Amino acid sequence: MGSLNKVVFMLASCLILFSCSGENDSNSATSQKDHVWKEQTDTIDKAKEVEGMMLESAAATREAIDKHDE
């Protein structure tokens, strides 16, 4: 009878464990947005945007210089 109690206890423990872990899955999209390095990755993204703007500005400046030289 002792082994049957162990099996029932293990099944109940697994059921409780798996049922609790399902609640966190609905918030996984939110938790992926808010991670430990969110501030750093946001800064990197912003720097990439600024880099793109600088490259566009440099290209426009080159075009203006080229048109002026002609």
PDB file of N, CA and C in Angstrom:
ATOM      1  N   MET A   1       0.814  -1.189   0.000  1.00  0.00           N
ATOM      2  CA  MET A   1       0.000   0.000   0.000  1.00  0.00           C
ATOM      3  C   MET A   1       0.858   1.253   0.000  1.00  0.00           C
ATOM      4  N   GLY A   2       2.043   1.200   0.518  1.00  0.00           N
ATOM      5  CA  GLY A   2       2.926   2.353   0.580  1.00  0.00           C
ATOM      6  C   GLY A   2       3.361   2.833  -0.797  1.00  0.00           C
ATOM      7  N   SER A   3       3.594   1.908  -1.732  1.00  0.00           N
ATOM      8  CA  SER A   3       4.023   2.318  -3.069  1.00  0.00           C
ATOM      9  C   SER A   3       2.879   2.994  -3.824  1.00  0.00           C
ATOM     10  N   LEU A   4       1.642   2.582  -3.555  1.00  0.00           N
ATOM     11  CA  LEU A   4       0.485   3.221  -4.186  1.00  0.00           C
ATOM     12  C   LEU A   4       0.358   4.663  -3.701  1.00  0.00           C
ATOM     13  N   ASN A   5       0.595   4.895  -2.424  1.00  0.00           N
ATOM     14  CA  ASN A   5       0.558   6.256  -1.883  1.00  0.00           C
ATOM     15  C   ASN A   5       1.638   7.135  -2.526  1.00  0.00           C
ATOM     16  N   LYS A   6       2.817   6.569  -2.742  1.00  0.00           N
ATOM     17  CA  LYS A   6       3.902   7.311  -3.379  1.00  0.00           C
ATOM     18  C   LYS A   6       3.522   7.701  -4.809  1.00  0.00           C
ATOM     19  N   VAL A   7       2.917   6.778  -5.541  1.00  0.00           N
ATOM     20  CA  VAL A   7       2.524   7.042  -6.926  1.00  0.00           C
ATOM     21  C   VAL A   7       1.451   8.128  -6.966  1.00  0.00           C
ATOM     22  N   VAL A   8       0.473   8.038  -6.097  1.00  0.00           N
ATOM     23  CA  VAL A   8      -0.596   9.036  -6.049  1.00  0.00           C
ATOM     24  C   VAL A   8      -0.014  10.395  -5.673  1.00  0.00           C
ATOM     25  N   PHE A   9       0.879  10.405  -4.719  1.00  0.00           N
ATOM     26  CA  PHE A   9       1.515  11.660  -4.308  1.00  0.00           C
ATOM     27  C   PHE A   9       2.315  12.266  -5.458  1.00  0.00           C
ATOM     28  N   MET A  10       3.081  11.458  -6.191  1.00  0.00           N
ATOM     29  CA  MET A  10       3.867  11.946  -7.327  1.00  0.00           C
ATOM     30  C   MET A  10       2.962  12.484  -8.431  1.00  0.00           C
ATOM     31  N   LEU A  11       1.872  11.785  -8.729  1.00  0.00           N
ATOM     32  CA  LEU A  11       0.940  12.247  -9.762  1.00  0.00           C
ATOM     33  C   LEU A  11       0.284  13.559  -9.358  1.00  0.00           C
ATOM     34  N   ALA A  12      -0.108  13.664  -8.105  1.00  0.00           N
ATOM     35  CA  ALA A  12      -0.727  14.901  -7.624  1.00  0.00           C
ATOM     36  C   ALA A  12       0.285  16.054  -7.665  1.00  0.00           C
ATOM     37  N   SER A  13       1.519  15.777  -7.294  1.00  0.00           N
ATOM     38  CA  SER A  13       2.558  16.811  -7.331  1.00  0.00           C
ATOM     39  C   SER A  13       2.806  17.283  -8.763  1.00  0.00           C
ATOM     40  N   CYS A  14       2.875  16.347  -9.687  1.00  0.00           N
ATOM     41  CA  CYS A  14       3.081  16.719 -11.096  1.00  0.00           C
ATOM     42  C   CYS A  14       1.904  17.519 -11.631  1.00  0.00           C
ATOM     43  N   LEU A  15       0.703  17.127 -11.265  1.00  0.00           N
ATOM     44  CA  LEU A  15      -0.485  17.835 -11.714  1.00  0.00           C
ATOM     45  C   LEU A  15      -0.482  19.275 -11.204  1.00  0.00           C
ATOM     46  N   ILE A  16      -0.154  19.461  -9.946  1.00  0.00           N
ATOM     47  CA  ILE A  16      -0.095  20.808  -9.365  1.00  0.00           C
ATOM     48  C   ILE A  16       1.019  21.621 -10.024  1.00  0.00           C
ATOM     49  N   LEU A  17       2.166  21.006 -10.223  1.00  0.00           N
ATOM     50  CA  LEU A  17       3.310  21.697 -10.811  1.00  0.00           C
ATOM     51  C   LEU A  17       3.009  22.148 -12.239  1.00  0.00           C
ATOM     52  N   PHE A  18       2.433  21.272 -13.049  1.00  0.00           N
ATOM     53  CA  PHE A  18       2.152  21.621 -14.438  1.00  0.00           C
ATOM     54  C   PHE A  18       0.990  22.593 -14.564  1.00  0.00           C
ATOM     55  N   SER A  19       0.027  22.510 -13.682  1.00  0.00           N
ATOM     56  CA  SER A  19      -1.100  23.439 -13.765  1.00  0.00           C
ATOM     57  C   SER A  19      -0.673  24.846 -13.372  1.00  0.00           C
ATOM     58  N   CYS A  20       0.267  25.003 -12.476  1.00  0.00           N
ATOM     59  CA  CYS A  20       0.751  26.327 -12.076  1.00  0.00           C
ATOM     60  C   CYS A  20       1.629  26.943 -13.144  1.00  0.00           C
ATOM     61  N   SER A  21       2.366  26.132 -13.874  1.00  0.00           N
ATOM     62  CA  SER A  21       3.274  26.685 -14.876  1.00  0.00           C
ATOM     63  C   SER A  21       2.520  27.231 -16.081  1.00  0.00           C
ATOM     64  N   GLY A  22       1.298  26.853 -16.318  1.00  0.00           N
ATOM     65  CA  GLY A  22       0.526  27.336 -17.450  1.00  0.00           C
ATOM     66  C   GLY A  22       0.108  28.780 -17.320  1.00  0.00           C
ATOM     67  N   GLU A  23      -0.010  29.299 -16.119  1.00  0.00           N
ATOM     68  CA  GLU A  23      -0.424  30.680 -15.917  1.00  0.00           C
ATOM     69  C   GLU A  23       0.615  31.653 -16.440  1.00  0.00           C
ATOM     70  N   ASN A  24       1.867  31.331 -16.321  1.00  0.00           N
ATOM     71  CA  ASN A  24       2.938  32.234 -16.722  1.00  0.00           C
ATOM     72  C   ASN A  24       3.089  32.312 -18.236  1.00  0.00           C
ATOM     73  N   ASP A  25       2.590  31.317 -18.986  1.00  0.00           N
ATOM     74  CA  ASP A  25       2.723  31.306 -20.430  1.00  0.00           C
ATOM     75  C   ASP A  25       1.967  32.458 -21.081  1.00  0.00           C
ATOM     76  N   SER A  26       0.855  32.888 -20.509  1.00  0.00           N
ATOM     77  CA  SER A  26       0.090  33.972 -21.106  1.00  0.00           C
ATOM     78  C   SER A  26       0.832  35.291 -21.004  1.00  0.00           C
ATOM     79  N   ASN A  27       1.731  35.415 -20.052  1.00  0.00           N
ATOM     80  CA  ASN A  27       2.504  36.638 -19.877  1.00  0.00           C
ATOM     81  C   ASN A  27       3.879  36.541 -20.518  1.00  0.00           C
ATOM     82  N   SER A  28       4.142  35.492 -21.298  1.00  0.00           N
ATOM     83  CA  SER A  28       5.474  35.318 -21.859  1.00  0.00           C
ATOM     84  C   SER A  28       5.799  36.404 -22.873  1.00  0.00           C
ATOM     85  N   ALA A  29       4.820  36.901 -23.631  1.00  0.00           N
ATOM     86  CA  ALA A  29       5.078  37.990 -24.574  1.00  0.00           C
ATOM     87  C   ALA A  29       5.464  39.255 -23.830  1.00  0.00           C
ATOM     88  N   THR A  30       4.805  39.515 -22.730  1.00  0.00           N
ATOM     89  CA  THR A  30       5.133  40.687 -21.929  1.00  0.00           C
ATOM     90  C   THR A  30       6.493  40.524 -21.280  1.00  0.00           C
ATOM     91  N   SER A  31       6.786  39.340 -20.791  1.00  0.00           N
ATOM     92  CA  SER A  31       8.063  39.138 -20.113  1.00  0.00           C
ATOM     93  C   SER A  31       9.224  39.192 -21.091  1.00  0.00           C
ATOM     94  N   GLN A  32       9.013  38.839 -22.356  1.00  0.00           N
ATOM     95  CA  GLN A  32      10.082  38.949 -23.339  1.00  0.00           C
ATOM     96  C   GLN A  32      10.386  40.409 -23.650  1.00  0.00           C
ATOM     97  N   LYS A  33       9.392  41.270 -23.588  1.00  0.00           N
ATOM     98  CA  LYS A  33       9.620  42.687 -23.829  1.00  0.00           C
ATOM     99  C   LYS A  33      10.373  43.320 -22.672  1.00  0.00           C
ATOM    100  N   ASP A  34      10.103  42.883 -21.460  1.00  0.00           N
ATOM    101  CA  ASP A  34      10.743  43.426 -20.272  1.00  0.00           C
ATOM    102  C   ASP A  34      11.765  42.425 -19.747  1.00  0.00           C
ATOM    103  N   HIS A  35      12.970  42.492 -20.284  1.00  0.00           N
ATOM    104  CA  HIS A  35      14.011  41.592 -19.814  1.00  0.00           C
ATOM    105  C   HIS A  35      15.100  42.388 -19.103  1.00  0.00           C
ATOM    106  N   VAL A  36      16.066  41.702 -18.617  1.00  0.00           N
ATOM    107  CA  VAL A  36      17.090  42.302 -17.771  1.00  0.00           C
ATOM    108  C   VAL A  36      17.853  43.407 -18.506  1.00  0.00           C
ATOM    109  N   TRP A  37      18.116  43.204 -19.786  1.00  0.00           N
ATOM    110  CA  TRP A  37      18.922  44.154 -20.546  1.00  0.00           C
ATOM    111  C   TRP A  37      18.068  45.048 -21.439  1.00  0.00           C
ATOM    112  N   LYS A  38      16.818  45.275 -21.064  1.00  0.00           N
ATOM    113  CA  LYS A  38      15.914  46.067 -21.895  1.00  0.00           C
ATOM    114  C   LYS A  38      16.467  47.460 -22.139  1.00  0.00           C
ATOM    115  N   GLU A  39      16.988  48.102 -21.105  1.00  0.00           N
ATOM    116  CA  GLU A  39      17.521  49.458 -21.260  1.00  0.00           C
ATOM    117  C   GLU A  39      18.698  49.471 -22.236  1.00  0.00           C
ATOM    118  N   GLN A  40      19.572  48.474 -22.131  1.00  0.00           N
ATOM    119  CA  GLN A  40      20.725  48.421 -23.014  1.00  0.00           C
ATOM    120  C   GLN A  40      20.307  48.146 -24.457  1.00  0.00           C
ATOM    121  N   THR A  41      19.382  47.217 -24.672  1.00  0.00           N
ATOM    122  CA  THR A  41      18.947  46.929 -26.038  1.00  0.00           C
ATOM    123  C   THR A  41      18.181  48.102 -26.628  1.00  0.00           C
ATOM    124  N   ASP A  42      17.418  48.815 -25.806  1.00  0.00           N
ATOM    125  CA  ASP A  42      16.740  50.018 -26.295  1.00  0.00           C
ATOM    126  C   ASP A  42      17.754  51.068 -26.724  1.00  0.00           C
ATOM    127  N   THR A  43      18.831  51.212 -25.965  1.00  0.00           N
ATOM    128  CA  THR A  43      19.878  52.170 -26.307  1.00  0.00           C
ATOM    129  C   THR A  43      20.559  51.778 -27.611  1.00  0.00           C
ATOM    130  N   ILE A  44      20.813  50.502 -27.792  1.00  0.00           N
ATOM    131  CA  ILE A  44      21.429  50.020 -29.033  1.00  0.00           C
ATOM    132  C   ILE A  44      20.503  50.282 -30.217  1.00  0.00           C
ATOM    133  N   ASP A  45      19.209  50.016 -30.060  1.00  0.00           N
ATOM    134  CA  ASP A  45      18.254  50.274 -31.128  1.00  0.00           C
ATOM    135  C   ASP A  45      18.205  51.751 -31.487  1.00  0.00           C
ATOM    136  N   LYS A  46      18.234  52.592 -30.488  1.00  0.00           N
ATOM    137  CA  LYS A  46      18.213  54.031 -30.720  1.00  0.00           C
ATOM    138  C   LYS A  46      19.487  54.470 -31.443  1.00  0.00           C
ATOM    139  N   ALA A  47      20.616  53.909 -31.065  1.00  0.00           N
ATOM    140  CA  ALA A  47      21.885  54.240 -31.715  1.00  0.00           C
ATOM    141  C   ALA A  47      21.864  53.817 -33.181  1.00  0.00           C
ATOM    142  N   LYS A  48      21.258  52.679 -33.477  1.00  0.00           N
ATOM    143  CA  LYS A  48      21.145  52.231 -34.869  1.00  0.00           C
ATOM    144  C   LYS A  48      20.279  53.193 -35.680  1.00  0.00           C
ATOM    145  N   GLU A  49      19.216  53.688 -35.077  1.00  0.00           N
ATOM    146  CA  GLU A  49      18.366  54.661 -35.758  1.00  0.00           C
ATOM    147  C   GLU A  49      19.141  55.945 -36.038  1.00  0.00           C
ATOM    148  N   VAL A  50      19.898  56.410 -35.057  1.00  0.00           N
ATOM    149  CA  VAL A  50      20.690  57.628 -35.228  1.00  0.00           C
ATOM    150  C   VAL A  50      21.754  57.419 -36.301  1.00  0.00           C
ATOM    151  N   GLU A  51      22.355  56.239 -36.313  1.00  0.00           N
ATOM    152  CA  GLU A  51      23.361  55.935 -37.328  1.00  0.00           C
ATOM    153  C   GLU A  51      22.759  56.023 -38.720  1.00  0.00           C
ATOM    154  N   GLY A  52      21.557  55.486 -38.885  1.00  0.00           N
ATOM    155  CA  GLY A  52      20.878  55.560 -40.176  1.00  0.00           C
ATOM    156  C   GLY A  52      20.608  56.999 -40.586  1.00  0.00           C
ATOM    157  N   MET A  53      20.181  57.803 -39.630  1.00  0.00           N
ATOM    158  CA  MET A  53      19.924  59.216 -39.929  1.00  0.00           C
ATOM    159  C   MET A  53      21.221  59.923 -40.315  1.00  0.00           C
ATOM    160  N   MET A  54      22.321  59.610 -39.643  1.00  0.00           N
ATOM    161  CA  MET A  54      23.606  60.229 -39.962  1.00  0.00           C
ATOM    162  C   MET A  54      24.091  59.826 -41.348  1.00  0.00           C
ATOM    163  N   LEU A  55      23.898  58.552 -41.699  1.00  0.00           N
ATOM    164  CA  LEU A  55      24.306  58.097 -43.026  1.00  0.00           C
ATOM    165  C   LEU A  55      23.487  58.781 -44.113  1.00  0.00           C
ATOM    166  N   GLU A  56      22.190  58.945 -43.876  1.00  0.00           N
ATOM    167  CA  GLU A  56      21.342  59.652 -44.842  1.00  0.00           C
ATOM    168  C   GLU A  56      21.785  61.101 -44.977  1.00  0.00           C
ATOM    169  N   SER A  57      22.092  61.721 -43.868  1.00  0.00           N
ATOM    170  CA  SER A  57      22.544  63.112 -43.881  1.00  0.00           C
ATOM    171  C   SER A  57      23.874  63.243 -44.617  1.00  0.00           C
ATOM    172  N   ALA A  58      24.790  62.319 -44.390  1.00  0.00           N
ATOM    173  CA  ALA A  58      26.085  62.351 -45.065  1.00  0.00           C
ATOM    174  C   ALA A  58      25.910  62.162 -46.568  1.00  0.00           C
ATOM    175  N   ALA A  59      25.008  61.274 -46.959  1.00  0.00           N
ATOM    176  CA  ALA A  59      24.750  61.066 -48.386  1.00  0.00           C
ATOM    177  C   ALA A  59      24.155  62.323 -49.015  1.00  0.00           C
ATOM    178  N   ALA A  60      23.238  62.971 -48.309  1.00  0.00           N
ATOM    179  CA  ALA A  60      22.647  64.208 -48.829  1.00  0.00           C
ATOM    180  C   ALA A  60      23.704  65.304 -48.936  1.00  0.00           C
ATOM    181  N   THR A  61      24.602  65.372 -47.973  1.00  0.00           N
ATOM    182  CA  THR A  61      25.680  66.365 -48.015  1.00  0.00           C
ATOM    183  C   THR A  61      26.607  66.099 -49.192  1.00  0.00           C
ATOM    184  N   ARG A  62      26.955  64.834 -49.431  1.00  0.00           N
ATOM    185  CA  ARG A  62      27.805  64.480 -50.567  1.00  0.00           C
ATOM    186  C   ARG A  62      27.146  64.869 -51.881  1.00  0.00           C
ATOM    187  N   GLU A  63      25.857  64.605 -51.998  1.00  0.00           N
ATOM    188  CA  GLU A  63      25.127  64.971 -53.216  1.00  0.00           C
ATOM    189  C   GLU A  63      25.146  66.480 -53.420  1.00  0.00           C
ATOM    190  N   ALA A  64      24.943  67.223 -52.339  1.00  0.00           N
ATOM    191  CA  ALA A  64      24.953  68.682 -52.446  1.00  0.00           C
ATOM    192  C   ALA A  64      26.333  69.186 -52.856  1.00  0.00           C
ATOM    193  N   ILE A  65      27.394  68.578 -52.320  1.00  0.00           N
ATOM    194  CA  ILE A  65      28.752  68.982 -52.674  1.00  0.00           C
ATOM    195  C   ILE A  65      29.015  68.653 -54.136  1.00  0.00           C
ATOM    196  N   ASP A  66      28.612  67.452 -54.567  1.00  0.00           N
ATOM    197  CA  ASP A  66      28.814  67.040 -55.947  1.00  0.00           C
ATOM    198  C   ASP A  66      28.073  67.957 -56.915  1.00  0.00           C
ATOM    199  N   LYS A  67      26.848  68.359 -56.591  1.00  0.00           N
ATOM    200  CA  LYS A  67      26.082  69.252 -57.459  1.00  0.00           C
ATOM    201  C   LYS A  67      26.725  70.637 -57.499  1.00  0.00           C
ATOM    202  N   HIS A  68      27.293  71.063 -56.397  1.00  0.00           N
ATOM    203  CA  HIS A  68      27.925  72.374 -56.319  1.00  0.00           C
ATOM    204  C   HIS A  68      29.210  72.403 -57.149  1.00  0.00           C
ATOM    205  N   ASP A  69      29.952  71.265 -57.149  1.00  0.00           N
ATOM    206  CA  ASP A  69      31.203  71.192 -57.893  1.00  0.00           C
ATOM    207  C   ASP A  69      30.973  71.153 -59.389  1.00  0.00           C
ATOM    208  N   GLU A  70      29.834  70.700 -59.823  1.00  0.00           N
ATOM    209  CA  GLU A  70      29.577  70.574 -61.264  1.00  0.00           C
ATOM    210  C   GLU A  70      29.286  71.864 -61.837  1.00  0.00           C
TER     211      GLU A  70
END
